[in-house]
Structure formats: C-alpha cells, structure tokens
Amino acid sequence: QVQLVESGGGLVQPGGSLRLSCAASGRIFSIYAMGWYRQAPGKQRELVAVITSGGSTNYQDSVKGRFTISRDNAKNTVFLQMNSLKPEDTAVYYCNADLITIDYTRRVYWGQGTQVTVSS
C-alpha cells in the first residue's frame, strides 16, 4: 500500500508565502514524477506543478515565477514553495505521484489534500 500525506496548508494574506510538503510512504520501488494539483469550489482540478525523478519541472502559467516545486528523492517527499500568493490561489491542494510499487506495478496515487486560503 502507498500513501501520500500533505502538510503545510493554512491561511495567509495576499502576498504571503506557504510551503507545502508531501511524503510518500509504503511499498515504493521508484517514483517517476510527483506533482501538485489544486481544486477550488466549482472548478475543475488543475495541475499546478510537476517534477520528474530527474529534476525536470513544469508549471501552470498562472504560477510561474511565484511557485517552486522541489523534491527530496531520498525521503520520497515533494515540496511546493508558494510565494506572492493571490486570492485566486485559494484551493485544496493535492499531491500526486506517478510511481512503481515494489511489485513493479505502475500506479498513480493521490494525497488527501490540504487547504490553502489566501485572504485578507
């Protein structure tokens, strides 16, 4: 079994910063990529950022220059540093992992989500 656990969400004022983390645990053989998605009420879940095992990154246009995704491969952990936060960044943020389990089965796993609220 594989679990992804997010942390670091909270309430922050516009222009502030938050750092999200997501730790993957369980029967993991290797991780191809990890990413962050977000979903606001009434909206579709959207990709925020993704990072591959080799360190390549990609970002949604709306967060480029403000968010930074990184990872600690040894700890199977991915981070999302969010700076210059805007009210429109308010959403539940979900960690996603494309990985291969110890029995060599490739699967996509999701975390439970962490709330990020940007408001005055």
PDB file of N, CA and C in Angstrom:
ATOM      1  N   GLN A   1       0.840  -1.171   0.000  1.00  0.00           N
ATOM      2  CA  GLN A   1       0.000   0.000   0.000  1.00  0.00           C
ATOM      3  C   GLN A   1       0.891   1.242   0.000  1.00  0.00           C
ATOM      4  N   VAL A   2       0.447   2.269  -0.724  1.00  0.00           N
ATOM      5  CA  VAL A   2       1.152   3.536  -0.814  1.00  0.00           C
ATOM      6  C   VAL A   2       0.242   4.644  -0.314  1.00  0.00           C
ATOM      7  N   GLN A   3       0.815   5.530   0.470  1.00  0.00           N
ATOM      8  CA  GLN A   3       0.079   6.688   0.962  1.00  0.00           C
ATOM      9  C   GLN A   3       0.868   7.957   0.702  1.00  0.00           C
ATOM     10  N   LEU A   4       0.144   9.022   0.372  1.00  0.00           N
ATOM     11  CA  LEU A   4       0.712  10.348   0.230  1.00  0.00           C
ATOM     12  C   LEU A   4       0.055  11.246   1.267  1.00  0.00           C
ATOM     13  N   VAL A   5       0.866  11.911   2.069  1.00  0.00           N
ATOM     14  CA  VAL A   5       0.355  12.757   3.130  1.00  0.00           C
ATOM     15  C   VAL A   5       0.882  14.167   2.943  1.00  0.00           C
ATOM     16  N   GLU A   6      -0.041  15.112   2.737  1.00  0.00           N
ATOM     17  CA  GLU A   6       0.324  16.515   2.560  1.00  0.00           C
ATOM     18  C   GLU A   6       0.279  17.256   3.886  1.00  0.00           C
ATOM     19  N   SER A   7       1.048  18.326   3.953  1.00  0.00           N
ATOM     20  CA  SER A   7       1.012  19.209   5.103  1.00  0.00           C
ATOM     21  C   SER A   7       1.484  20.592   4.674  1.00  0.00           C
ATOM     22  N   GLY A   8       1.213  21.584   5.498  1.00  0.00           N
ATOM     23  CA  GLY A   8       1.702  22.927   5.255  1.00  0.00           C
ATOM     24  C   GLY A   8       0.664  23.927   4.808  1.00  0.00           C
ATOM     25  N   GLY A   9      -0.553  23.485   4.577  1.00  0.00           N
ATOM     26  CA  GLY A   9      -1.594  24.410   4.181  1.00  0.00           C
ATOM     27  C   GLY A   9      -2.015  25.301   5.333  1.00  0.00           C
ATOM     28  N   GLY A  10      -2.776  26.325   5.001  1.00  0.00           N
ATOM     29  CA  GLY A  10      -3.240  27.240   6.022  1.00  0.00           C
ATOM     30  C   GLY A  10      -3.782  28.512   5.434  1.00  0.00           C
ATOM     31  N   LEU A  11      -3.958  29.488   6.300  1.00  0.00           N
ATOM     32  CA  LEU A  11      -4.473  30.801   5.920  1.00  0.00           C
ATOM     33  C   LEU A  11      -3.327  31.796   5.855  1.00  0.00           C
ATOM     34  N   VAL A  12      -3.259  32.522   4.763  1.00  0.00           N
ATOM     35  CA  VAL A  12      -2.198  33.501   4.574  1.00  0.00           C
ATOM     36  C   VAL A  12      -2.757  34.725   3.862  1.00  0.00           C
ATOM     37  N   GLN A  13      -2.182  35.879   4.127  1.00  0.00           N
ATOM     38  CA  GLN A  13      -2.604  37.102   3.468  1.00  0.00           C
ATOM     39  C   GLN A  13      -2.054  37.188   2.056  1.00  0.00           C
ATOM     40  N   PRO A  14      -2.739  37.925   1.177  1.00  0.00           N
ATOM     41  CA  PRO A  14      -2.194  38.124  -0.165  1.00  0.00           C
ATOM     42  C   PRO A  14      -0.776  38.660  -0.114  1.00  0.00           C
ATOM     43  N   GLY A  15       0.072  38.103  -0.966  1.00  0.00           N
ATOM     44  CA  GLY A  15       1.476  38.465  -0.972  1.00  0.00           C
ATOM     45  C   GLY A  15       2.335  37.619  -0.058  1.00  0.00           C
ATOM     46  N   GLY A  16       1.706  36.814   0.761  1.00  0.00           N
ATOM     47  CA  GLY A  16       2.431  35.964   1.684  1.00  0.00           C
ATOM     48  C   GLY A  16       2.922  34.685   1.043  1.00  0.00           C
ATOM     49  N   SER A  17       3.480  33.820   1.882  1.00  0.00           N
ATOM     50  CA  SER A  17       4.083  32.584   1.403  1.00  0.00           C
ATOM     51  C   SER A  17       3.651  31.395   2.244  1.00  0.00           C
ATOM     52  N   LEU A  18       3.631  30.246   1.614  1.00  0.00           N
ATOM     53  CA  LEU A  18       3.415  28.973   2.274  1.00  0.00           C
ATOM     54  C   LEU A  18       4.301  27.930   1.615  1.00  0.00           C
ATOM     55  N   ARG A  19       4.642  26.916   2.372  1.00  0.00           N
ATOM     56  CA  ARG A  19       5.413  25.805   1.842  1.00  0.00           C
ATOM     57  C   ARG A  19       4.676  24.504   2.132  1.00  0.00           C
ATOM     58  N   LEU A  20       4.269  23.837   1.083  1.00  0.00           N
ATOM     59  CA  LEU A  20       3.588  22.566   1.202  1.00  0.00           C
ATOM     60  C   LEU A  20       4.582  21.421   1.077  1.00  0.00           C
ATOM     61  N   SER A  21       4.297  20.347   1.761  1.00  0.00           N
ATOM     62  CA  SER A  21       5.113  19.158   1.638  1.00  0.00           C
ATOM     63  C   SER A  21       4.217  17.941   1.478  1.00  0.00           C
ATOM     64  N   CYS A  22       4.750  16.929   0.844  1.00  0.00           N
ATOM     65  CA  CYS A  22       4.022  15.685   0.630  1.00  0.00           C
ATOM     66  C   CYS A  22       5.006  14.539   0.721  1.00  0.00           C
ATOM     67  N   ALA A  23       4.758  13.651   1.647  1.00  0.00           N
ATOM     68  CA  ALA A  23       5.619  12.499   1.852  1.00  0.00           C
ATOM     69  C   ALA A  23       4.916  11.235   1.385  1.00  0.00           C
ATOM     70  N   ALA A  24       5.565  10.511   0.518  1.00  0.00           N
ATOM     71  CA  ALA A  24       5.054   9.232   0.042  1.00  0.00           C
ATOM     72  C   ALA A  24       5.672   8.102   0.852  1.00  0.00           C
ATOM     73  N   SER A  25       4.857   7.162   1.235  1.00  0.00           N
ATOM     74  CA  SER A  25       5.347   6.034   2.014  1.00  0.00           C
ATOM     75  C   SER A  25       4.648   4.760   1.567  1.00  0.00           C
ATOM     76  N   GLY A  26       5.265   3.653   1.896  1.00  0.00           N
ATOM     77  CA  GLY A  26       4.697   2.368   1.541  1.00  0.00           C
ATOM     78  C   GLY A  26       5.623   1.570   0.651  1.00  0.00           C
ATOM     79  N   ARG A  27       5.038   0.673  -0.094  1.00  0.00           N
ATOM     80  CA  ARG A  27       5.813  -0.241  -0.925  1.00  0.00           C
ATOM     81  C   ARG A  27       6.174   0.412  -2.258  1.00  0.00           C
ATOM     82  N   ILE A  28       7.104   1.333  -2.198  1.00  0.00           N
ATOM     83  CA  ILE A  28       7.516   2.112  -3.358  1.00  0.00           C
ATOM     84  C   ILE A  28       8.845   1.596  -3.886  1.00  0.00           C
ATOM     85  N   PHE A  29       8.860   1.287  -5.154  1.00  0.00           N
ATOM     86  CA  PHE A  29      10.102   0.893  -5.808  1.00  0.00           C
ATOM     87  C   PHE A  29      10.807   2.114  -6.393  1.00  0.00           C
ATOM     88  N   SER A  30      10.067   2.918  -7.118  1.00  0.00           N
ATOM     89  CA  SER A  30      10.623   4.133  -7.680  1.00  0.00           C
ATOM     90  C   SER A  30       9.490   5.086  -8.022  1.00  0.00           C
ATOM     91  N   ILE A  31       9.826   6.364  -8.082  1.00  0.00           N
ATOM     92  CA  ILE A  31       8.849   7.394  -8.415  1.00  0.00           C
ATOM     93  C   ILE A  31       9.260   8.063  -9.713  1.00  0.00           C
ATOM     94  N   TYR A  32       8.367   8.022 -10.682  1.00  0.00           N
ATOM     95  CA  TYR A  32       8.644   8.648 -11.969  1.00  0.00           C
ATOM     96  C   TYR A  32       8.489  10.160 -11.872  1.00  0.00           C
ATOM     97  N   ALA A  33       7.398  10.593 -11.253  1.00  0.00           N
ATOM     98  CA  ALA A  33       7.139  12.020 -11.133  1.00  0.00           C
ATOM     99  C   ALA A  33       6.190  12.273  -9.971  1.00  0.00           C
ATOM    100  N   MET A  34       6.295  13.451  -9.403  1.00  0.00           N
ATOM    101  CA  MET A  34       5.358  13.896  -8.390  1.00  0.00           C
ATOM    102  C   MET A  34       4.894  15.298  -8.754  1.00  0.00           C
ATOM    103  N   GLY A  35       3.666  15.590  -8.409  1.00  0.00           N
ATOM    104  CA  GLY A  35       3.128  16.888  -8.751  1.00  0.00           C
ATOM    105  C   GLY A  35       2.122  17.387  -7.740  1.00  0.00           C
ATOM    106  N   TRP A  36       1.736  18.617  -7.952  1.00  0.00           N
ATOM    107  CA  TRP A  36       0.712  19.252  -7.136  1.00  0.00           C
ATOM    108  C   TRP A  36      -0.444  19.684  -8.024  1.00  0.00           C
ATOM    109  N   TYR A  37      -1.638  19.336  -7.608  1.00  0.00           N
ATOM    110  CA  TYR A  37      -2.863  19.778  -8.236  1.00  0.00           C
ATOM    111  C   TYR A  37      -3.641  20.615  -7.237  1.00  0.00           C
ATOM    112  N   ARG A  38      -4.580  21.382  -7.740  1.00  0.00           N
ATOM    113  CA  ARG A  38      -5.447  22.133  -6.847  1.00  0.00           C
ATOM    114  C   ARG A  38      -6.859  22.175  -7.406  1.00  0.00           C
ATOM    115  N   GLN A  39      -7.804  22.320  -6.496  1.00  0.00           N
ATOM    116  CA  GLN A  39      -9.198  22.388  -6.892  1.00  0.00           C
ATOM    117  C   GLN A  39      -9.933  23.376  -5.999  1.00  0.00           C
ATOM    118  N   ALA A  40     -10.507  24.381  -6.626  1.00  0.00           N
ATOM    119  CA  ALA A  40     -11.334  25.352  -5.937  1.00  0.00           C
ATOM    120  C   ALA A  40     -12.794  24.951  -6.097  1.00  0.00           C
ATOM    121  N   PRO A  41     -13.657  25.373  -5.183  1.00  0.00           N
ATOM    122  CA  PRO A  41     -15.075  25.039  -5.291  1.00  0.00           C
ATOM    123  C   PRO A  41     -15.662  25.454  -6.632  1.00  0.00           C
ATOM    124  N   GLY A  42     -16.365  24.530  -7.272  1.00  0.00           N
ATOM    125  CA  GLY A  42     -16.991  24.816  -8.544  1.00  0.00           C
ATOM    126  C   GLY A  42     -16.066  24.787  -9.739  1.00  0.00           C
ATOM    127  N   LYS A  43     -14.809  24.425  -9.528  1.00  0.00           N
ATOM    128  CA  LYS A  43     -13.849  24.400 -10.614  1.00  0.00           C
ATOM    129  C   LYS A  43     -13.254  23.010 -10.781  1.00  0.00           C
ATOM    130  N   GLN A  44     -12.675  22.777 -11.949  1.00  0.00           N
ATOM    131  CA  GLN A  44     -12.000  21.526 -12.227  1.00  0.00           C
ATOM    132  C   GLN A  44     -10.666  21.458 -11.493  1.00  0.00           C
ATOM    133  N   ARG A  45     -10.275  20.252 -11.140  1.00  0.00           N
ATOM    134  CA  ARG A  45      -8.953  20.075 -10.586  1.00  0.00           C
ATOM    135  C   ARG A  45      -7.917  20.337 -11.680  1.00  0.00           C
ATOM    136  N   GLU A  46      -6.892  21.109 -11.358  1.00  0.00           N
ATOM    137  CA  GLU A  46      -5.909  21.504 -12.340  1.00  0.00           C
ATOM    138  C   GLU A  46      -4.497  21.239 -11.843  1.00  0.00           C
ATOM    139  N   LEU A  47      -3.628  20.964 -12.783  1.00  0.00           N
ATOM    140  CA  LEU A  47      -2.223  20.758 -12.463  1.00  0.00           C
ATOM    141  C   LEU A  47      -1.574  22.090 -12.127  1.00  0.00           C
ATOM    142  N   VAL A  48      -0.836  22.120 -11.031  1.00  0.00           N
ATOM    143  CA  VAL A  48      -0.098  23.303 -10.624  1.00  0.00           C
ATOM    144  C   VAL A  48       1.359  23.198 -11.041  1.00  0.00           C
ATOM    145  N   ALA A  49       1.987  22.098 -10.681  1.00  0.00           N
ATOM    146  CA  ALA A  49       3.394  21.897 -10.992  1.00  0.00           C
ATOM    147  C   ALA A  49       3.715  20.419 -10.924  1.00  0.00           C
ATOM    148  N   VAL A  50       4.736  20.016 -11.653  1.00  0.00           N
ATOM    149  CA  VAL A  50       5.172  18.631 -11.647  1.00  0.00           C
ATOM    150  C   VAL A  50       6.691  18.591 -11.698  1.00  0.00           C
ATOM    151  N   ILE A  51       7.259  17.575 -11.083  1.00  0.00           N
ATOM    152  CA  ILE A  51       8.699  17.373 -11.117  1.00  0.00           C
ATOM    153  C   ILE A  51       8.979  15.894 -11.333  1.00  0.00           C
ATOM    154  N   THR A  52       9.905  15.606 -12.225  1.00  0.00           N
ATOM    155  CA  THR A  52      10.268  14.226 -12.507  1.00  0.00           C
ATOM    156  C   THR A  52      11.383  13.781 -11.582  1.00  0.00           C
ATOM    157  N   SER A  53      11.670  12.498 -11.625  1.00  0.00           N
ATOM    158  CA  SER A  53      12.741  11.958 -10.794  1.00  0.00           C
ATOM    159  C   SER A  53      14.090  12.563 -11.144  1.00  0.00           C
ATOM    160  N   GLY A  54      14.244  13.004 -12.379  1.00  0.00           N
ATOM    161  CA  GLY A  54      15.474  13.631 -12.809  1.00  0.00           C
ATOM    162  C   GLY A  54      15.564  15.112 -12.504  1.00  0.00           C
ATOM    163  N   GLY A  55      14.486  15.682 -11.974  1.00  0.00           N
ATOM    164  CA  GLY A  55      14.506  17.076 -11.587  1.00  0.00           C
ATOM    165  C   GLY A  55      13.900  18.042 -12.582  1.00  0.00           C
ATOM    166  N   SER A  56      13.401  17.546 -13.699  1.00  0.00           N
ATOM    167  CA  SER A  56      12.744  18.423 -14.657  1.00  0.00           C
ATOM    168  C   SER A  56      11.419  18.907 -14.086  1.00  0.00           C
ATOM    169  N   THR A  57      11.097  20.166 -14.323  1.00  0.00           N
ATOM    170  CA  THR A  57       9.885  20.755 -13.765  1.00  0.00           C
ATOM    171  C   THR A  57       9.029  21.392 -14.843  1.00  0.00           C
ATOM    172  N   ASN A  58       7.753  21.503 -14.529  1.00  0.00           N
ATOM    173  CA  ASN A  58       6.821  22.203 -15.393  1.00  0.00           C
ATOM    174  C   ASN A  58       5.762  22.838 -14.506  1.00  0.00           C
ATOM    175  N   TYR A  59       5.314  24.033 -14.901  1.00  0.00           N
ATOM    176  CA  TYR A  59       4.378  24.796 -14.098  1.00  0.00           C
ATOM    177  C   TYR A  59       3.212  25.285 -14.924  1.00  0.00           C
ATOM    178  N   GLN A  60       2.076  25.405 -14.263  1.00  0.00           N
ATOM    179  CA  GLN A  60       0.961  26.106 -14.853  1.00  0.00           C
ATOM    180  C   GLN A  60       1.364  27.565 -15.029  1.00  0.00           C
ATOM    181  N   ASP A  61       0.925  28.167 -16.121  1.00  0.00           N
ATOM    182  CA  ASP A  61       1.335  29.527 -16.429  1.00  0.00           C
ATOM    183  C   ASP A  61       1.023  30.515 -15.303  1.00  0.00           C
ATOM    184  N   SER A  62      -0.089  30.328 -14.638  1.00  0.00           N
ATOM    185  CA  SER A  62      -0.520  31.281 -13.627  1.00  0.00           C
ATOM    186  C   SER A  62       0.367  31.304 -12.386  1.00  0.00           C
ATOM    187  N   VAL A  63       1.204  30.289 -12.197  1.00  0.00           N
ATOM    188  CA  VAL A  63       2.051  30.237 -11.008  1.00  0.00           C
ATOM    189  C   VAL A  63       3.530  30.381 -11.334  1.00  0.00           C
ATOM    190  N   LYS A  64       3.867  30.473 -12.592  1.00  0.00           N
ATOM    191  CA  LYS A  64       5.269  30.610 -12.981  1.00  0.00           C
ATOM    192  C   LYS A  64       5.863  31.877 -12.385  1.00  0.00           C
ATOM    193  N   GLY A  65       7.041  31.729 -11.814  1.00  0.00           N
ATOM    194  CA  GLY A  65       7.703  32.846 -11.183  1.00  0.00           C
ATOM    195  C   GLY A  65       7.315  33.061  -9.743  1.00  0.00           C
ATOM    196  N   ARG A  66       6.264  32.389  -9.290  1.00  0.00           N
ATOM    197  CA  ARG A  66       5.811  32.533  -7.911  1.00  0.00           C
ATOM    198  C   ARG A  66       5.960  31.238  -7.105  1.00  0.00           C
ATOM    199  N   PHE A  67       5.718  30.110  -7.760  1.00  0.00           N
ATOM    200  CA  PHE A  67       5.791  28.814  -7.091  1.00  0.00           C
ATOM    201  C   PHE A  67       7.036  28.064  -7.532  1.00  0.00           C
ATOM    202  N   THR A  68       7.575  27.270  -6.636  1.00  0.00           N
ATOM    203  CA  THR A  68       8.719  26.432  -6.944  1.00  0.00           C
ATOM    204  C   THR A  68       8.478  25.027  -6.403  1.00  0.00           C
ATOM    205  N   ILE A  69       8.566  24.046  -7.280  1.00  0.00           N
ATOM    206  CA  ILE A  69       8.428  22.664  -6.857  1.00  0.00           C
ATOM    207  C   ILE A  69       9.814  22.044  -6.723  1.00  0.00           C
ATOM    208  N   SER A  70       9.992  21.237  -5.706  1.00  0.00           N
ATOM    209  CA  SER A  70      11.257  20.561  -5.482  1.00  0.00           C
ATOM    210  C   SER A  70      10.983  19.222  -4.817  1.00  0.00           C
ATOM    211  N   ARG A  71      12.020  18.412  -4.705  1.00  0.00           N
ATOM    212  CA  ARG A  71      11.824  17.097  -4.096  1.00  0.00           C
ATOM    213  C   ARG A  71      13.074  16.625  -3.387  1.00  0.00           C
ATOM    214  N   ASP A  72      12.864  15.752  -2.438  1.00  0.00           N
ATOM    215  CA  ASP A  72      13.930  15.053  -1.748  1.00  0.00           C
ATOM    216  C   ASP A  72      13.725  13.580  -2.072  1.00  0.00           C
ATOM    217  N   ASN A  73      14.460  13.094  -3.042  1.00  0.00           N
ATOM    218  CA  ASN A  73      14.260  11.727  -3.507  1.00  0.00           C
ATOM    219  C   ASN A  73      14.514  10.689  -2.415  1.00  0.00           C
ATOM    220  N   ALA A  74      15.483  10.956  -1.566  1.00  0.00           N
ATOM    221  CA  ALA A  74      15.812  10.010  -0.507  1.00  0.00           C
ATOM    222  C   ALA A  74      14.662   9.824   0.468  1.00  0.00           C
ATOM    223  N   LYS A  75      13.841  10.850   0.619  1.00  0.00           N
ATOM    224  CA  LYS A  75      12.723  10.791   1.550  1.00  0.00           C
ATOM    225  C   LYS A  75      11.379  10.649   0.852  1.00  0.00           C
ATOM    226  N   ASN A  76      11.394  10.491  -0.467  1.00  0.00           N
ATOM    227  CA  ASN A  76      10.160  10.393  -1.248  1.00  0.00           C
ATOM    228  C   ASN A  76       9.205  11.532  -0.923  1.00  0.00           C
ATOM    229  N   THR A  77       9.756  12.721  -0.886  1.00  0.00           N
ATOM    230  CA  THR A  77       8.998  13.894  -0.496  1.00  0.00           C
ATOM    231  C   THR A  77       9.087  14.970  -1.571  1.00  0.00           C
ATOM    232  N   VAL A  78       7.960  15.609  -1.832  1.00  0.00           N
ATOM    233  CA  VAL A  78       7.906  16.716  -2.770  1.00  0.00           C
ATOM    234  C   VAL A  78       7.425  17.956  -2.030  1.00  0.00           C
ATOM    235  N   PHE A  79       7.929  19.104  -2.441  1.00  0.00           N
ATOM    236  CA  PHE A  79       7.590  20.369  -1.803  1.00  0.00           C
ATOM    237  C   PHE A  79       7.037  21.340  -2.833  1.00  0.00           C
ATOM    238  N   LEU A  80       6.252  22.262  -2.356  1.00  0.00           N
ATOM    239  CA  LEU A  80       5.780  23.358  -3.191  1.00  0.00           C
ATOM    240  C   LEU A  80       5.927  24.648  -2.404  1.00  0.00           C
ATOM    241  N   GLN A  81       6.905  25.443  -2.774  1.00  0.00           N
ATOM    242  CA  GLN A  81       7.102  26.751  -2.167  1.00  0.00           C
ATOM    243  C   GLN A  81       6.245  27.754  -2.921  1.00  0.00           C
ATOM    244  N   MET A  82       5.331  28.386  -2.224  1.00  0.00           N
ATOM    245  CA  MET A  82       4.389  29.304  -2.840  1.00  0.00           C
ATOM    246  C   MET A  82       4.643  30.707  -2.298  1.00  0.00           C
ATOM    247  N   ASN A  83       5.061  31.591  -3.175  1.00  0.00           N
ATOM    248  CA  ASN A  83       5.322  32.975  -2.822  1.00  0.00           C
ATOM    249  C   ASN A  83       4.359  33.894  -3.561  1.00  0.00           C
ATOM    250  N   SER A  84       4.272  35.116  -3.086  1.00  0.00           N
ATOM    251  CA  SER A  84       3.406  36.121  -3.712  1.00  0.00           C
ATOM    252  C   SER A  84       2.009  35.574  -3.948  1.00  0.00           C
ATOM    253  N   LEU A  85       1.459  34.974  -2.928  1.00  0.00           N
ATOM    254  CA  LEU A  85       0.166  34.315  -3.059  1.00  0.00           C
ATOM    255  C   LEU A  85      -0.953  35.312  -3.342  1.00  0.00           C
ATOM    256  N   LYS A  86      -1.887  34.869  -4.151  1.00  0.00           N
ATOM    257  CA  LYS A  86      -3.030  35.663  -4.550  1.00  0.00           C
ATOM    258  C   LYS A  86      -4.316  34.981  -4.099  1.00  0.00           C
ATOM    259  N   PRO A  87      -5.394  35.735  -3.929  1.00  0.00           N
ATOM    260  CA  PRO A  87      -6.660  35.115  -3.548  1.00  0.00           C
ATOM    261  C   PRO A  87      -7.089  33.999  -4.491  1.00  0.00           C
ATOM    262  N   GLU A  88      -6.785  34.124  -5.761  1.00  0.00           N
ATOM    263  CA  GLU A  88      -7.161  33.098  -6.716  1.00  0.00           C
ATOM    264  C   GLU A  88      -6.365  31.805  -6.564  1.00  0.00           C
ATOM    265  N   ASP A  89      -5.351  31.811  -5.710  1.00  0.00           N
ATOM    266  CA  ASP A  89      -4.635  30.587  -5.392  1.00  0.00           C
ATOM    267  C   ASP A  89      -5.370  29.742  -4.358  1.00  0.00           C
ATOM    268  N   THR A  90      -6.421  30.286  -3.775  1.00  0.00           N
ATOM    269  CA  THR A  90      -7.185  29.563  -2.770  1.00  0.00           C
ATOM    270  C   THR A  90      -7.789  28.296  -3.359  1.00  0.00           C
ATOM    271  N   ALA A  91      -7.501  27.173  -2.731  1.00  0.00           N
ATOM    272  CA  ALA A  91      -7.973  25.884  -3.216  1.00  0.00           C
ATOM    273  C   ALA A  91      -7.506  24.795  -2.260  1.00  0.00           C
ATOM    274  N   VAL A  92      -8.019  23.609  -2.472  1.00  0.00           N
ATOM    275  CA  VAL A  92      -7.450  22.435  -1.839  1.00  0.00           C
ATOM    276  C   VAL A  92      -6.337  21.926  -2.747  1.00  0.00           C
ATOM    277  N   TYR A  93      -5.169  21.759  -2.192  1.00  0.00           N
ATOM    278  CA  TYR A  93      -4.015  21.314  -2.954  1.00  0.00           C
ATOM    279  C   TYR A  93      -3.776  19.833  -2.699  1.00  0.00           C
ATOM    280  N   TYR A  94      -3.631  19.095  -3.787  1.00  0.00           N
ATOM    281  CA  TYR A  94      -3.458  17.654  -3.722  1.00  0.00           C
ATOM    282  C   TYR A  94      -2.098  17.247  -4.275  1.00  0.00           C
ATOM    283  N   CYS A  95      -1.460  16.370  -3.566  1.00  0.00           N
ATOM    284  CA  CYS A  95      -0.218  15.776  -4.033  1.00  0.00           C
ATOM    285  C   CYS A  95      -0.532  14.579  -4.917  1.00  0.00           C
ATOM    286  N   ASN A  96       0.242  14.411  -5.954  1.00  0.00           N
ATOM    287  CA  ASN A  96       0.060  13.329  -6.905  1.00  0.00           C
ATOM    288  C   ASN A  96       1.409  12.673  -7.176  1.00  0.00           C
ATOM    289  N   ALA A  97       1.396  11.364  -7.272  1.00  0.00           N
ATOM    290  CA  ALA A  97       2.624  10.643  -7.563  1.00  0.00           C
ATOM    291  C   ALA A  97       2.379   9.572  -8.600  1.00  0.00           C
ATOM    292  N   ASP A  98       3.207   9.561  -9.609  1.00  0.00           N
ATOM    293  CA  ASP A  98       3.232   8.509 -10.627  1.00  0.00           C
ATOM    294  C   ASP A  98       4.411   7.620 -10.263  1.00  0.00           C
ATOM    295  N   LEU A  99       4.122   6.431  -9.780  1.00  0.00           N
ATOM    296  CA  LEU A  99       5.192   5.620  -9.234  1.00  0.00           C
ATOM    297  C   LEU A  99       5.020   4.150  -9.556  1.00  0.00           C
ATOM    298  N   ILE A 100       6.066   3.425  -9.274  1.00  0.00           N
ATOM    299  CA  ILE A 100       6.077   1.979  -9.428  1.00  0.00           C
ATOM    300  C   ILE A 100       6.226   1.373  -8.043  1.00  0.00           C
ATOM    301  N   THR A 101       5.334   0.482  -7.688  1.00  0.00           N
ATOM    302  CA  THR A 101       5.378  -0.162  -6.388  1.00  0.00           C
ATOM    303  C   THR A 101       6.424  -1.267  -6.375  1.00  0.00           C
ATOM    304  N   ILE A 102       6.629  -1.812  -5.203  1.00  0.00           N
ATOM    305  CA  ILE A 102       7.678  -2.808  -5.028  1.00  0.00           C
ATOM    306  C   ILE A 102       7.420  -4.065  -5.856  1.00  0.00           C
ATOM    307  N   ASP A 103       6.159  -4.296  -6.228  1.00  0.00           N
ATOM    308  CA  ASP A 103       5.838  -5.428  -7.097  1.00  0.00           C
ATOM    309  C   ASP A 103       5.807  -5.028  -8.570  1.00  0.00           C
ATOM    310  N   TYR A 104       6.398  -3.880  -8.877  1.00  0.00           N
ATOM    311  CA  TYR A 104       6.600  -3.397 -10.243  1.00  0.00           C
ATOM    312  C   TYR A 104       5.302  -3.067 -10.968  1.00  0.00           C
ATOM    313  N   THR A 105       4.335  -2.583 -10.222  1.00  0.00           N
ATOM    314  CA  THR A 105       3.086  -2.117 -10.796  1.00  0.00           C
ATOM    315  C   THR A 105       3.078  -0.593 -10.826  1.00  0.00           C
ATOM    316  N   ARG A 106       2.908  -0.012 -11.981  1.00  0.00           N
ATOM    317  CA  ARG A 106       2.869   1.436 -12.097  1.00  0.00           C
ATOM    318  C   ARG A 106       1.456   1.948 -11.806  1.00  0.00           C
ATOM    319  N   ARG A 107       1.379   2.868 -10.899  1.00  0.00           N
ATOM    320  CA  ARG A 107       0.104   3.428 -10.477  1.00  0.00           C
ATOM    321  C   ARG A 107       0.240   4.921 -10.206  1.00  0.00           C
ATOM    322  N   VAL A 108      -0.891   5.586 -10.210  1.00  0.00           N
ATOM    323  CA  VAL A 108      -0.975   6.993  -9.829  1.00  0.00           C
ATOM    324  C   VAL A 108      -1.693   7.075  -8.487  1.00  0.00           C
ATOM    325  N   TYR A 109      -1.095   7.780  -7.537  1.00  0.00           N
ATOM    326  CA  TYR A 109      -1.651   7.909  -6.203  1.00  0.00           C
ATOM    327  C   TYR A 109      -1.902   9.368  -5.881  1.00  0.00           C
ATOM    328  N   TRP A 110      -2.866   9.587  -5.004  1.00  0.00           N
ATOM    329  CA  TRP A 110      -3.265  10.926  -4.600  1.00  0.00           C
ATOM    330  C   TRP A 110      -3.239  11.075  -3.088  1.00  0.00           C
ATOM    331  N   GLY A 111      -2.866  12.258  -2.640  1.00  0.00           N
ATOM    332  CA  GLY A 111      -2.959  12.585  -1.231  1.00  0.00           C
ATOM    333  C   GLY A 111      -4.365  13.015  -0.863  1.00  0.00           C
ATOM    334  N   GLN A 112      -4.567  13.278   0.414  1.00  0.00           N
ATOM    335  CA  GLN A 112      -5.897  13.626   0.908  1.00  0.00           C
ATOM    336  C   GLN A 112      -6.244  15.092   0.696  1.00  0.00           C
ATOM    337  N   GLY A 113      -5.259  15.911   0.399  1.00  0.00           N
ATOM    338  CA  GLY A 113      -5.476  17.323   0.161  1.00  0.00           C
ATOM    339  C   GLY A 113      -5.195  18.172   1.385  1.00  0.00           C
ATOM    340  N   THR A 114      -4.740  19.384   1.141  1.00  0.00           N
ATOM    341  CA  THR A 114      -4.522  20.356   2.202  1.00  0.00           C
ATOM    342  C   THR A 114      -5.053  21.713   1.741  1.00  0.00           C
ATOM    343  N   GLN A 115      -5.783  22.366   2.618  1.00  0.00           N
ATOM    344  CA  GLN A 115      -6.441  23.621   2.267  1.00  0.00           C
ATOM    345  C   GLN A 115      -5.466  24.785   2.303  1.00  0.00           C
ATOM    346  N   VAL A 116      -5.481  25.569   1.243  1.00  0.00           N
ATOM    347  CA  VAL A 116      -4.739  26.824   1.180  1.00  0.00           C
ATOM    348  C   VAL A 116      -5.739  27.944   0.964  1.00  0.00           C
ATOM    349  N   THR A 117      -5.753  28.893   1.871  1.00  0.00           N
ATOM    350  CA  THR A 117      -6.663  30.025   1.774  1.00  0.00           C
ATOM    351  C   THR A 117      -5.858  31.317   1.799  1.00  0.00           C
ATOM    352  N   VAL A 118      -6.037  32.124   0.767  1.00  0.00           N
ATOM    353  CA  VAL A 118      -5.342  33.402   0.651  1.00  0.00           C
ATOM    354  C   VAL A 118      -6.392  34.499   0.766  1.00  0.00           C
ATOM    355  N   SER A 119      -6.355  35.215   1.859  1.00  0.00           N
ATOM    356  CA  SER A 119      -7.396  36.201   2.122  1.00  0.00           C
ATOM    357  C   SER A 119      -6.910  37.230   3.126  1.00  0.00           C
ATOM    358  N   SER A 120      -7.445  38.447   2.990  1.00  0.00           N
ATOM    359  CA  SER A 120      -7.198  39.488   3.972  1.00  0.00           C
ATOM    360  C   SER A 120      -8.197  39.403   5.110  1.00  0.00           C
TER     361      SER A 120
END
